[in-house]
PDB file of N, CA and C in Angstrom:
ATOM      1  N   MET A   1      77.591 277.634 114.950  1.00  0.00           N
ATOM      2  CA  MET A   1      78.104 277.358 116.274  1.00  0.00           C
ATOM      3  C   MET A   1      79.352 278.179 116.580  1.00  0.00           C
ATOM      4  N   LEU A   2      80.356 278.091 115.716  1.00  0.00           N
ATOM      5  CA  LEU A   2      81.576 278.857 115.940  1.00  0.00           C
ATOM      6  C   LEU A   2      81.479 280.183 115.205  1.00  0.00           C
ATOM      7  N   ALA A   3      81.872 281.226 115.876  1.00  0.00           N
ATOM      8  CA  ALA A   3      81.872 282.538 115.243  1.00  0.00           C
ATOM      9  C   ALA A   3      83.147 282.688 114.430  1.00  0.00           C
ATOM     10  N   SER A   4      82.998 282.759 113.143  1.00  0.00           N
ATOM     11  CA  SER A   4      84.152 282.886 112.253  1.00  0.00           C
ATOM     12  C   SER A   4      84.781 284.258 112.416  1.00  0.00           C
ATOM     13  N   ARG A   5      86.084 284.323 112.217  1.00  0.00           N
ATOM     14  CA  ARG A   5      86.866 285.560 112.255  1.00  0.00           C
ATOM     15  C   ARG A   5      87.032 286.162 113.643  1.00  0.00           C
ATOM     16  N   PHE A   6      86.376 285.625 114.645  1.00  0.00           N
ATOM     17  CA  PHE A   6      86.523 286.205 115.976  1.00  0.00           C
ATOM     18  C   PHE A   6      87.275 285.287 116.920  1.00  0.00           C
ATOM     19  N   GLY A   7      87.780 284.179 116.420  1.00  0.00           N
ATOM     20  CA  GLY A   7      88.538 283.266 117.259  1.00  0.00           C
ATOM     21  C   GLY A   7      87.639 282.538 118.238  1.00  0.00           C
ATOM     22  N   ALA A   8      87.324 281.314 117.939  1.00  0.00           N
ATOM     23  CA  ALA A   8      86.461 280.526 118.801  1.00  0.00           C
ATOM     24  C   ALA A   8      87.194 280.178 120.089  1.00  0.00           C
ATOM     25  N   THR A   9      86.447 280.161 121.159  1.00  0.00           N
ATOM     26  CA  THR A   9      87.044 279.792 122.436  1.00  0.00           C
ATOM     27  C   THR A   9      87.216 278.280 122.496  1.00  0.00           C
ATOM     28  N   VAL A  10      87.984 277.834 123.447  1.00  0.00           N
ATOM     29  CA  VAL A  10      88.223 276.404 123.621  1.00  0.00           C
ATOM     30  C   VAL A  10      86.908 275.695 123.931  1.00  0.00           C
ATOM     31  N   GLN A  11      86.056 276.326 124.726  1.00  0.00           N
ATOM     32  CA  GLN A  11      84.776 275.710 125.070  1.00  0.00           C
ATOM     33  C   GLN A  11      83.899 275.527 123.828  1.00  0.00           C
ATOM     34  N   GLU A  12      83.904 276.511 122.916  1.00  0.00           N
ATOM     35  CA  GLU A  12      83.110 276.391 121.695  1.00  0.00           C
ATOM     36  C   GLU A  12      83.636 275.270 120.810  1.00  0.00           C
ATOM     37  N   LYS A  13      84.958 275.125 120.745  1.00  0.00           N
ATOM     38  CA  LYS A  13      85.547 274.045 119.945  1.00  0.00           C
ATOM     39  C   LYS A  13      85.180 272.684 120.520  1.00  0.00           C
ATOM     40  N   PHE A  14      85.273 272.532 121.836  1.00  0.00           N
ATOM     41  CA  PHE A  14      84.902 271.267 122.462  1.00  0.00           C
ATOM     42  C   PHE A  14      83.414 270.981 122.287  1.00  0.00           C
ATOM     43  N   ALA A  15      82.579 272.021 122.349  1.00  0.00           N
ATOM     44  CA  ALA A  15      81.145 271.828 122.171  1.00  0.00           C
ATOM     45  C   ALA A  15      80.845 271.273 120.780  1.00  0.00           C
ATOM     46  N   LEU A  16      81.541 271.779 119.760  1.00  0.00           N
ATOM     47  CA  LEU A  16      81.322 271.264 118.409  1.00  0.00           C
ATOM     48  C   LEU A  16      81.806 269.823 118.284  1.00  0.00           C
ATOM     49  N   LEU A  17      82.971 269.538 118.838  1.00  0.00           N
ATOM     50  CA  LEU A  17      83.517 268.182 118.737  1.00  0.00           C
ATOM     51  C   LEU A  17      82.690 267.166 119.523  1.00  0.00           C
ATOM     52  N   ASN A  18      81.995 267.611 120.557  1.00  0.00           N
ATOM     53  CA  ASN A  18      81.204 266.714 121.392  1.00  0.00           C
ATOM     54  C   ASN A  18      79.732 266.670 121.009  1.00  0.00           C
ATOM     55  N   CYS A  19      79.345 267.317 119.923  1.00  0.00           N
ATOM     56  CA  CYS A  19      77.942 267.298 119.487  1.00  0.00           C
ATOM     57  C   CYS A  19      77.521 265.881 119.139  1.00  0.00           C
ATOM     58  N   ARG A  20      76.321 265.513 119.567  1.00  0.00           N
ATOM     59  CA  ARG A  20      75.796 264.209 119.177  1.00  0.00           C
ATOM     60  C   ARG A  20      75.385 264.240 117.714  1.00  0.00           C
ATOM     61  N   ARG A  21      74.863 265.349 117.270  1.00  0.00           N
ATOM     62  CA  ARG A  21      74.443 265.492 115.886  1.00  0.00           C
ATOM     63  C   ARG A  21      74.896 266.864 115.415  1.00  0.00           C
ATOM     64  N   LEU A  22      75.687 266.872 114.350  1.00  0.00           N
ATOM     65  CA  LEU A  22      76.172 268.131 113.797  1.00  0.00           C
ATOM     66  C   LEU A  22      75.065 268.816 113.014  1.00  0.00           C
ATOM     67  N   PRO A  23      75.123 270.141 112.906  1.00  0.00           N
ATOM     68  CA  PRO A  23      74.173 270.822 112.031  1.00  0.00           C
ATOM     69  C   PRO A  23      74.410 270.398 110.584  1.00  0.00           C
ATOM     70  N   GLY A  24      73.435 270.591 109.725  1.00  0.00           N
ATOM     71  CA  GLY A  24      73.528 270.154 108.337  1.00  0.00           C
ATOM     72  C   GLY A  24      74.614 270.840 107.545  1.00  0.00           C
ATOM     73  N   ARG A  25      74.834 272.119 107.818  1.00  0.00           N
ATOM     74  CA  ARG A  25      75.894 272.836 107.109  1.00  0.00           C
ATOM     75  C   ARG A  25      76.845 273.466 108.118  1.00  0.00           C
ATOM     76  N   LEU A  26      78.105 273.479 107.738  1.00  0.00           N
ATOM     77  CA  LEU A  26      79.171 273.973 108.609  1.00  0.00           C
ATOM     78  C   LEU A  26      79.894 275.118 107.908  1.00  0.00           C
ATOM     79  N   ASN A  27      80.307 276.114 108.676  1.00  0.00           N
ATOM     80  CA  ASN A  27      81.097 277.204 108.084  1.00  0.00           C
ATOM     81  C   ASN A  27      82.566 276.777 107.993  1.00  0.00           C
ATOM     82  N   THR A  28      83.412 277.660 107.511  1.00  0.00           N
ATOM     83  CA  THR A  28      84.816 277.289 107.301  1.00  0.00           C
ATOM     84  C   THR A  28      85.547 276.981 108.606  1.00  0.00           C
ATOM     85  N   ALA A  29      85.226 277.711 109.669  1.00  0.00           N
ATOM     86  CA  ALA A  29      85.888 277.459 110.952  1.00  0.00           C
ATOM     87  C   ALA A  29      85.528 276.077 111.484  1.00  0.00           C
ATOM     88  N   GLU A  30      84.242 275.733 111.427  1.00  0.00           N
ATOM     89  CA  GLU A  30      83.795 274.426 111.913  1.00  0.00           C
ATOM     90  C   GLU A  30      84.340 273.296 111.039  1.00  0.00           C
ATOM     91  N   THR A  31      84.345 273.515 109.736  1.00  0.00           N
ATOM     92  CA  THR A  31      84.867 272.501 108.813  1.00  0.00           C
ATOM     93  C   THR A  31      86.352 272.263 109.055  1.00  0.00           C
ATOM     94  N   GLY A  32      87.100 273.352 109.199  1.00  0.00           N
ATOM     95  CA  GLY A  32      88.528 273.226 109.488  1.00  0.00           C
ATOM     96  C   GLY A  32      88.792 272.490 110.785  1.00  0.00           C
ATOM     97  N   LEU A  33      88.004 272.789 111.798  1.00  0.00           N
ATOM     98  CA  LEU A  33      88.176 272.129 113.091  1.00  0.00           C
ATOM     99  C   LEU A  33      87.930 270.624 112.977  1.00  0.00           C
ATOM    100  N   LEU A  34      86.875 270.239 112.278  1.00  0.00           N
ATOM    101  CA  LEU A  34      86.553 268.815 112.157  1.00  0.00           C
ATOM    102  C   LEU A  34      87.548 268.067 111.277  1.00  0.00           C
ATOM    103  N   LEU A  35      88.123 268.760 110.284  1.00  0.00           N
ATOM    104  CA  LEU A  35      89.084 268.114 109.398  1.00  0.00           C
ATOM    105  C   LEU A  35      90.516 268.160 109.925  1.00  0.00           C
ATOM    106  N   GLY A  36      90.761 269.024 110.910  1.00  0.00           N
ATOM    107  CA  GLY A  36      92.108 269.141 111.469  1.00  0.00           C
ATOM    108  C   GLY A  36      92.957 270.179 110.757  1.00  0.00           C
ATOM    109  N   PHE A  37      92.334 271.100 110.037  1.00  0.00           N
ATOM    110  CA  PHE A  37      93.044 272.174 109.350  1.00  0.00           C
ATOM    111  C   PHE A  37      92.697 273.507 109.990  1.00  0.00           C
ATOM    112  N   GLN A  38      93.515 274.505 109.721  1.00  0.00           N
ATOM    113  CA  GLN A  38      93.231 275.857 110.173  1.00  0.00           C
ATOM    114  C   GLN A  38      92.164 276.467 109.264  1.00  0.00           C
ATOM    115  N   GLU A  39      91.491 277.472 109.750  1.00  0.00           N
ATOM    116  CA  GLU A  39      90.443 278.121 108.951  1.00  0.00           C
ATOM    117  C   GLU A  39      91.013 278.718 107.671  1.00  0.00           C
ATOM    118  N   HIS A  40      92.225 279.282 107.745  1.00  0.00           N
ATOM    119  CA  HIS A  40      92.814 279.901 106.557  1.00  0.00           C
ATOM    120  C   HIS A  40      93.275 278.863 105.528  1.00  0.00           C
ATOM    121  N   ASP A  41      93.316 277.592 105.896  1.00  0.00           N
ATOM    122  CA  ASP A  41      93.673 276.529 104.956  1.00  0.00           C
ATOM    123  C   ASP A  41      92.484 276.058 104.124  1.00  0.00           C
ATOM    124  N   MET A  42      91.294 276.494 104.451  1.00  0.00           N
ATOM    125  CA  MET A  42      90.115 276.024 103.723  1.00  0.00           C
ATOM    126  C   MET A  42      90.033 276.622 102.321  1.00  0.00           C
ATOM    127  N   ALA A  43      90.457 277.870 102.151  1.00  0.00           N
ATOM    128  CA  ALA A  43      90.403 278.504 100.821  1.00  0.00           C
ATOM    129  C   ALA A  43      91.262 277.758  99.795  1.00  0.00           C
ATOM    130  N   PRO A  44      92.502 277.368 100.115  1.00  0.00           N
ATOM    131  CA  PRO A  44      93.270 276.580  99.145  1.00  0.00           C
ATOM    132  C   PRO A  44      92.649 275.205  98.847  1.00  0.00           C
ATOM    133  N   LEU A  45      91.979 274.607  99.829  1.00  0.00           N
ATOM    134  CA  LEU A  45      91.324 273.326  99.592  1.00  0.00           C
ATOM    135  C   LEU A  45      90.144 273.483  98.632  1.00  0.00           C
ATOM    136  N   VAL A  46      89.419 274.579  98.773  1.00  0.00           N
ATOM    137  CA  VAL A  46      88.314 274.865  97.854  1.00  0.00           C
ATOM    138  C   VAL A  46      88.864 275.160  96.465  1.00  0.00           C
ATOM    139  N   ALA A  47      89.949 275.923  96.401  1.00  0.00           N
ATOM    140  CA  ALA A  47      90.550 276.255  95.105  1.00  0.00           C
ATOM    141  C   ALA A  47      91.065 275.005  94.401  1.00  0.00           C
ATOM    142  N   ALA A  48      91.564 274.035  95.154  1.00  0.00           N
ATOM    143  CA  ALA A  48      92.061 272.782  94.586  1.00  0.00           C
ATOM    144  C   ALA A  48      90.924 271.792  94.319  1.00  0.00           C
ATOM    145  N   ARG A  49      89.709 272.199  94.621  1.00  0.00           N
ATOM    146  CA  ARG A  49      88.500 271.376  94.434  1.00  0.00           C
ATOM    147  C   ARG A  49      88.553 270.072  95.227  1.00  0.00           C
ATOM    148  N   LEU A  50      89.197 270.117  96.382  1.00  0.00           N
ATOM    149  CA  LEU A  50      89.232 268.946  97.253  1.00  0.00           C
ATOM    150  C   LEU A  50      88.017 268.903  98.169  1.00  0.00           C
ATOM    151  N   ILE A  51      87.410 270.064  98.385  1.00  0.00           N
ATOM    152  CA  ILE A  51      86.160 270.142  99.137  1.00  0.00           C
ATOM    153  C   ILE A  51      85.298 271.185  98.436  1.00  0.00           C
ATOM    154  N   VAL A  52      84.051 270.870  98.271  1.00  0.00           N
ATOM    155  CA  VAL A  52      83.165 271.722  97.479  1.00  0.00           C
ATOM    156  C   VAL A  52      82.141 272.382  98.406  1.00  0.00           C
ATOM    157  N   PRO A  53      82.035 273.721  98.363  1.00  0.00           N
ATOM    158  CA  PRO A  53      81.033 274.390  99.188  1.00  0.00           C
ATOM    159  C   PRO A  53      79.624 274.148  98.657  1.00  0.00           C
ATOM    160  N   LEU A  54      78.655 274.314  99.530  1.00  0.00           N
ATOM    161  CA  LEU A  54      77.255 274.163  99.143  1.00  0.00           C
ATOM    162  C   LEU A  54      76.839 275.320  98.240  1.00  0.00           C
ATOM    163  N   GLY A  55      76.017 275.025  97.257  1.00  0.00           N
ATOM    164  CA  GLY A  55      75.559 276.053  96.336  1.00  0.00           C
ATOM    165  C   GLY A  55      76.696 276.525  95.454  1.00  0.00           C
ATOM    166  N   LYS A  56      76.582 277.729  94.968  1.00  0.00           N
ATOM    167  CA  LYS A  56      77.636 278.342  94.162  1.00  0.00           C
ATOM    168  C   LYS A  56      77.911 279.737  94.726  1.00  0.00           C
ATOM    169  N   PRO A  57      78.602 279.798  95.872  1.00  0.00           N
ATOM    170  CA  PRO A  57      78.824 281.107  96.495  1.00  0.00           C
ATOM    171  C   PRO A  57      79.817 281.947  95.689  1.00  0.00           C
ATOM    172  N   ALA A  58      79.658 283.249  95.773  1.00  0.00           N
ATOM    173  CA  ALA A  58      80.610 284.159  95.148  1.00  0.00           C
ATOM    174  C   ALA A  58      81.960 283.990  95.825  1.00  0.00           C
ATOM    175  N   SER A  59      83.005 284.455  95.158  1.00  0.00           N
ATOM    176  CA  SER A  59      84.351 284.256  95.707  1.00  0.00           C
ATOM    177  C   SER A  59      84.542 284.946  97.054  1.00  0.00           C
ATOM    178  N   ASN A  60      83.829 286.044  97.277  1.00  0.00           N
ATOM    179  CA  ASN A  60      83.987 286.767  98.540  1.00  0.00           C
ATOM    180  C   ASN A  60      82.871 286.460  99.541  1.00  0.00           C
ATOM    181  N   ALA A  61      82.007 285.508  99.241  1.00  0.00           N
ATOM    182  CA  ALA A  61      80.908 285.140 100.137  1.00  0.00           C
ATOM    183  C   ALA A  61      81.367 284.075 101.129  1.00  0.00           C
ATOM    184  N   PRO A  62      80.708 284.003 102.287  1.00  0.00           N
ATOM    185  CA  PRO A  62      81.054 282.935 103.227  1.00  0.00           C
ATOM    186  C   PRO A  62      80.716 281.574 102.622  1.00  0.00           C
ATOM    187  N   LYS A  63      81.544 280.597 102.912  1.00  0.00           N
ATOM    188  CA  LYS A  63      81.356 279.253 102.371  1.00  0.00           C
ATOM    189  C   LYS A  63      80.791 278.339 103.461  1.00  0.00           C
ATOM    190  N   TYR A  64      79.853 277.493 103.051  1.00  0.00           N
ATOM    191  CA  TYR A  64      79.280 276.497 103.941  1.00  0.00           C
ATOM    192  C   TYR A  64      79.454 275.128 103.290  1.00  0.00           C
ATOM    193  N   PHE A  65      79.637 274.106 104.124  1.00  0.00           N
ATOM    194  CA  PHE A  65      79.913 272.762 103.645  1.00  0.00           C
ATOM    195  C   PHE A  65      78.947 271.779 104.288  1.00  0.00           C
ATOM    196  N   ALA A  66      78.620 270.721 103.570  1.00  0.00           N
ATOM    197  CA  ALA A  66      77.720 269.685 104.086  1.00  0.00           C
ATOM    198  C   ALA A  66      78.438 268.878 105.165  1.00  0.00           C
ATOM    199  N   ALA A  67      77.797 268.753 106.309  1.00  0.00           N
ATOM    200  CA  ALA A  67      78.405 268.032 107.432  1.00  0.00           C
ATOM    201  C   ALA A  67      78.682 266.578 107.076  1.00  0.00           C
ATOM    202  N   ALA A  68      77.792 265.950 106.313  1.00  0.00           N
ATOM    203  CA  ALA A  68      77.990 264.547 105.941  1.00  0.00           C
ATOM    204  C   ALA A  68      79.247 264.378 105.092  1.00  0.00           C
ATOM    205  N   GLU A  69      79.483 265.311 104.184  1.00  0.00           N
ATOM    206  CA  GLU A  69      80.674 265.251 103.340  1.00  0.00           C
ATOM    207  C   GLU A  69      81.941 265.486 104.172  1.00  0.00           C
ATOM    208  N   VAL A  70      81.872 266.419 105.100  1.00  0.00           N
ATOM    209  CA  VAL A  70      83.030 266.732 105.942  1.00  0.00           C
ATOM    210  C   VAL A  70      83.409 265.524 106.795  1.00  0.00           C
ATOM    211  N   ILE A  71      82.414 264.855 107.381  1.00  0.00           N
ATOM    212  CA  ILE A  71      82.683 263.670 108.209  1.00  0.00           C
ATOM    213  C   ILE A  71      83.280 262.558 107.349  1.00  0.00           C
ATOM    214  N   ALA A  72      82.748 262.386 106.141  1.00  0.00           N
ATOM    215  CA  ALA A  72      83.289 261.353 105.252  1.00  0.00           C
ATOM    216  C   ALA A  72      84.737 261.657 104.890  1.00  0.00           C
ATOM    217  N   ARG A  73      85.051 262.917 104.618  1.00  0.00           N
ATOM    218  CA  ARG A  73      86.422 263.300 104.278  1.00  0.00           C
ATOM    219  C   ARG A  73      87.347 263.108 105.483  1.00  0.00           C
ATOM    220  N   ALA A  74      86.868 263.406 106.677  1.00  0.00           N
ATOM    221  CA  ALA A  74      87.694 263.269 107.879  1.00  0.00           C
ATOM    222  C   ALA A  74      88.056 261.808 108.150  1.00  0.00           C
ATOM    223  N   ASP A  75      87.224 260.880 107.690  1.00  0.00           N
ATOM    224  CA  ASP A  75      87.476 259.452 107.915  1.00  0.00           C
ATOM    225  C   ASP A  75      88.290 258.807 106.791  1.00  0.00           C
ATOM    226  N   ASP A  76      88.645 259.566 105.765  1.00  0.00           N
ATOM    227  CA  ASP A  76      89.353 259.019 104.607  1.00  0.00           C
ATOM    228  C   ASP A  76      90.830 259.429 104.643  1.00  0.00           C
ATOM    229  N   PRO A  77      91.747 258.510 105.004  1.00  0.00           N
ATOM    230  CA  PRO A  77      93.166 258.863 105.097  1.00  0.00           C
ATOM    231  C   PRO A  77      93.775 259.282 103.764  1.00  0.00           C
ATOM    232  N   ASP A  78      93.301 258.706 102.663  1.00  0.00           N
ATOM    233  CA  ASP A  78      93.828 259.094 101.351  1.00  0.00           C
ATOM    234  C   ASP A  78      93.479 260.539 101.026  1.00  0.00           C
ATOM    235  N   TRP A  79      92.235 260.928 101.325  1.00  0.00           N
ATOM    236  CA  TRP A  79      91.823 262.310 101.073  1.00  0.00           C
ATOM    237  C   TRP A  79      92.606 263.270 101.970  1.00  0.00           C
ATOM    238  N   LEU A  80      92.782 262.907 103.238  1.00  0.00           N
ATOM    239  CA  LEU A  80      93.532 263.758 104.159  1.00  0.00           C
ATOM    240  C   LEU A  80      94.971 263.948 103.691  1.00  0.00           C
ATOM    241  N   SER A  81      95.568 262.889 103.172  1.00  0.00           N
ATOM    242  CA  SER A  81      96.923 262.983 102.647  1.00  0.00           C
ATOM    243  C   SER A  81      96.976 263.912 101.435  1.00  0.00           C
ATOM    244  N   GLN A  82      96.016 263.753 100.547  1.00  0.00           N
ATOM    245  CA  GLN A  82      95.949 264.603  99.357  1.00  0.00           C
ATOM    246  C   GLN A  82      95.730 266.069  99.748  1.00  0.00           C
ATOM    247  N   ALA A  83      94.863 266.320 100.712  1.00  0.00           N
ATOM    248  CA  ALA A  83      94.596 267.688 101.165  1.00  0.00           C
ATOM    249  C   ALA A  83      95.828 268.291 101.828  1.00  0.00           C
ATOM    250  N   THR A  84      96.544 267.490 102.613  1.00  0.00           N
ATOM    251  CA  THR A  84      97.759 267.980 103.265  1.00  0.00           C
ATOM    252  C   THR A  84      98.817 268.351 102.234  1.00  0.00           C
ATOM    253  N   ARG A  85      98.960 267.538 101.196  1.00  0.00           N
ATOM    254  CA  ARG A  85      99.902 267.864 100.114  1.00  0.00           C
ATOM    255  C   ARG A  85      99.491 269.147  99.397  1.00  0.00           C
ATOM    256  N   ALA A  86      98.194 269.333  99.170  1.00  0.00           N
ATOM    257  CA  ALA A  86      97.709 270.541  98.495  1.00  0.00           C
ATOM    258  C   ALA A  86      97.999 271.785  99.335  1.00  0.00           C
ATOM    259  N   ILE A  87      97.810 271.693 100.639  1.00  0.00           N
ATOM    260  CA  ILE A  87      98.091 272.827 101.531  1.00  0.00           C
ATOM    261  C   ILE A  87      99.587 273.132 101.525  1.00  0.00           C
ATOM    262  N   ALA A  88     100.411 272.090 101.623  1.00  0.00           N
ATOM    263  CA  ALA A  88     101.865 272.294 101.618  1.00  0.00           C
ATOM    264  C   ALA A  88     102.320 272.930 100.307  1.00  0.00           C
ATOM    265  N   LYS A  89     101.771 272.475  99.194  1.00  0.00           N
ATOM    266  CA  LYS A  89     102.115 273.026  97.889  1.00  0.00           C
ATOM    267  C   LYS A  89     101.707 274.494  97.781  1.00  0.00           C
ATOM    268  N   TYR A  90     100.528 274.821  98.309  1.00  0.00           N
ATOM    269  CA  TYR A  90     100.042 276.200  98.296  1.00  0.00           C
ATOM    270  C   TYR A  90     100.989 277.120  99.072  1.00  0.00           C
ATOM    271  N   TRP A  91     101.351 276.717 100.292  1.00  0.00           N
ATOM    272  CA  TRP A  91     102.207 277.569 101.117  1.00  0.00           C
ATOM    273  C   TRP A  91     103.632 277.624 100.574  1.00  0.00           C
ATOM    274  N   LEU A  92     104.111 276.551  99.962  1.00  0.00           N
ATOM    275  CA  LEU A  92     105.430 276.560  99.343  1.00  0.00           C
ATOM    276  C   LEU A  92     105.480 277.599  98.226  1.00  0.00           C
ATOM    277  N   ALA A  93     104.457 277.607  97.381  1.00  0.00           N
ATOM    278  CA  ALA A  93     104.402 278.582  96.288  1.00  0.00           C
ATOM    279  C   ALA A  93     104.260 280.006  96.819  1.00  0.00           C
ATOM    280  N   LYS A  94     103.438 280.190  97.833  1.00  0.00           N
ATOM    281  CA  LYS A  94     103.235 281.528  98.388  1.00  0.00           C
ATOM    282  C   LYS A  94     104.518 282.053  99.046  1.00  0.00           C
ATOM    283  N   ASN A  95     105.211 281.195  99.777  1.00  0.00           N
ATOM    284  CA  ASN A  95     106.457 281.615 100.422  1.00  0.00           C
ATOM    285  C   ASN A  95     107.570 281.836  99.406  1.00  0.00           C
ATOM    286  N   ALA A  96     107.583 281.084  98.321  1.00  0.00           N
ATOM    287  CA  ALA A  96     108.588 281.284  97.276  1.00  0.00           C
ATOM    288  C   ALA A  96     108.407 282.655  96.632  1.00  0.00           C
ATOM    289  N   THR A  97     107.170 283.068  96.435  1.00  0.00           N
ATOM    290  CA  THR A  97     106.896 284.398  95.879  1.00  0.00           C
ATOM    291  C   THR A  97     107.409 285.481  96.820  1.00  0.00           C
ATOM    292  N   LYS A  98     107.196 285.295  98.120  1.00  0.00           N
ATOM    293  CA  LYS A  98     107.698 286.269  99.098  1.00  0.00           C
ATOM    294  C   LYS A  98     109.218 286.363  99.046  1.00  0.00           C
ATOM    295  N   ARG A  99     109.885 285.192  98.993  1.00  0.00           N
ATOM    296  CA  ARG A  99     111.348 285.176  98.945  1.00  0.00           C
ATOM    297  C   ARG A  99     111.862 285.854  97.683  1.00  0.00           C
ATOM    298  N   GLN A 100     111.191 285.596  96.573  1.00  0.00           N
ATOM    299  CA  GLN A 100     111.610 286.188  95.312  1.00  0.00           C
ATOM    300  C   GLN A 100     111.452 287.706  95.358  1.00  0.00           C
ATOM    301  N   ASN A 101     110.364 288.191  95.903  1.00  0.00           N
ATOM    302  CA  ASN A 101     110.146 289.641  96.014  1.00  0.00           C
ATOM    303  C   ASN A 101     111.147 290.278  96.966  1.00  0.00           C
ATOM    304  N   ARG A 102     111.494 289.582  98.031  1.00  0.00           N
ATOM    305  CA  ARG A 102     112.441 290.114  99.005  1.00  0.00           C
ATOM    306  C   ARG A 102     113.840 290.215  98.368  1.00  0.00           C
ATOM    307  N   CYS A 103     114.225 289.225  97.575  1.00  0.00           N
ATOM    308  CA  CYS A 103     115.520 289.242  96.911  1.00  0.00           C
ATOM    309  C   CYS A 103     115.601 290.410  95.925  1.00  0.00           C
ATOM    310  N   CYS A 104     114.515 290.655  95.218  1.00  0.00           N
ATOM    311  CA  CYS A 104     114.497 291.755  94.261  1.00  0.00           C
ATOM    312  C   CYS A 104     114.576 293.096  94.964  1.00  0.00           C
ATOM    313  N   ASP A 105     113.954 293.221  96.136  1.00  0.00           N
ATOM    314  CA  ASP A 105     113.974 294.467  96.890  1.00  0.00           C
ATOM    315  C   ASP A 105     115.383 294.772  97.422  1.00  0.00           C
ATOM    316  N   GLU A 106     116.142 293.730  97.778  1.00  0.00           N
ATOM    317  CA  GLU A 106     117.482 293.938  98.326  1.00  0.00           C
ATOM    318  C   GLU A 106     118.463 294.425  97.263  1.00  0.00           C
ATOM    319  N   ARG A 107     118.228 294.071  96.009  1.00  0.00           N
ATOM    320  CA  ARG A 107     119.120 294.493  94.925  1.00  0.00           C
ATOM    321  C   ARG A 107     118.963 295.968  94.593  1.00  0.00           C
ATOM    322  N   ILE A 108     117.837 296.511  94.876  1.00  0.00           N
ATOM    323  CA  ILE A 108     117.561 297.920  94.510  1.00  0.00           C
ATOM    324  C   ILE A 108     118.263 298.883  95.397  1.00  0.00           C
TER     325      ILE A 108
END
């Protein structure tokens, strides 16, 4: 439904949210939209094993998720809290690395 990497329009996002029946598998953009996360936040969630893609895709392959699992996760406040902490931890570590590299560059 949503075209990944090309920025879904507002109408496409509303169409997905208003579907009476979701498709069986969702891509990362659709999964992020239903869970309330950005598309780029899905990779850290997969790495933390908080959401598992269908099959065993290669690391550089597109990931698809079961709609039933996504809906169940969206309704679970404990899981959402855990996922939010995992995302915050990921970005904290990534930004700390940037700060550390910037400090080293200024000394040179």
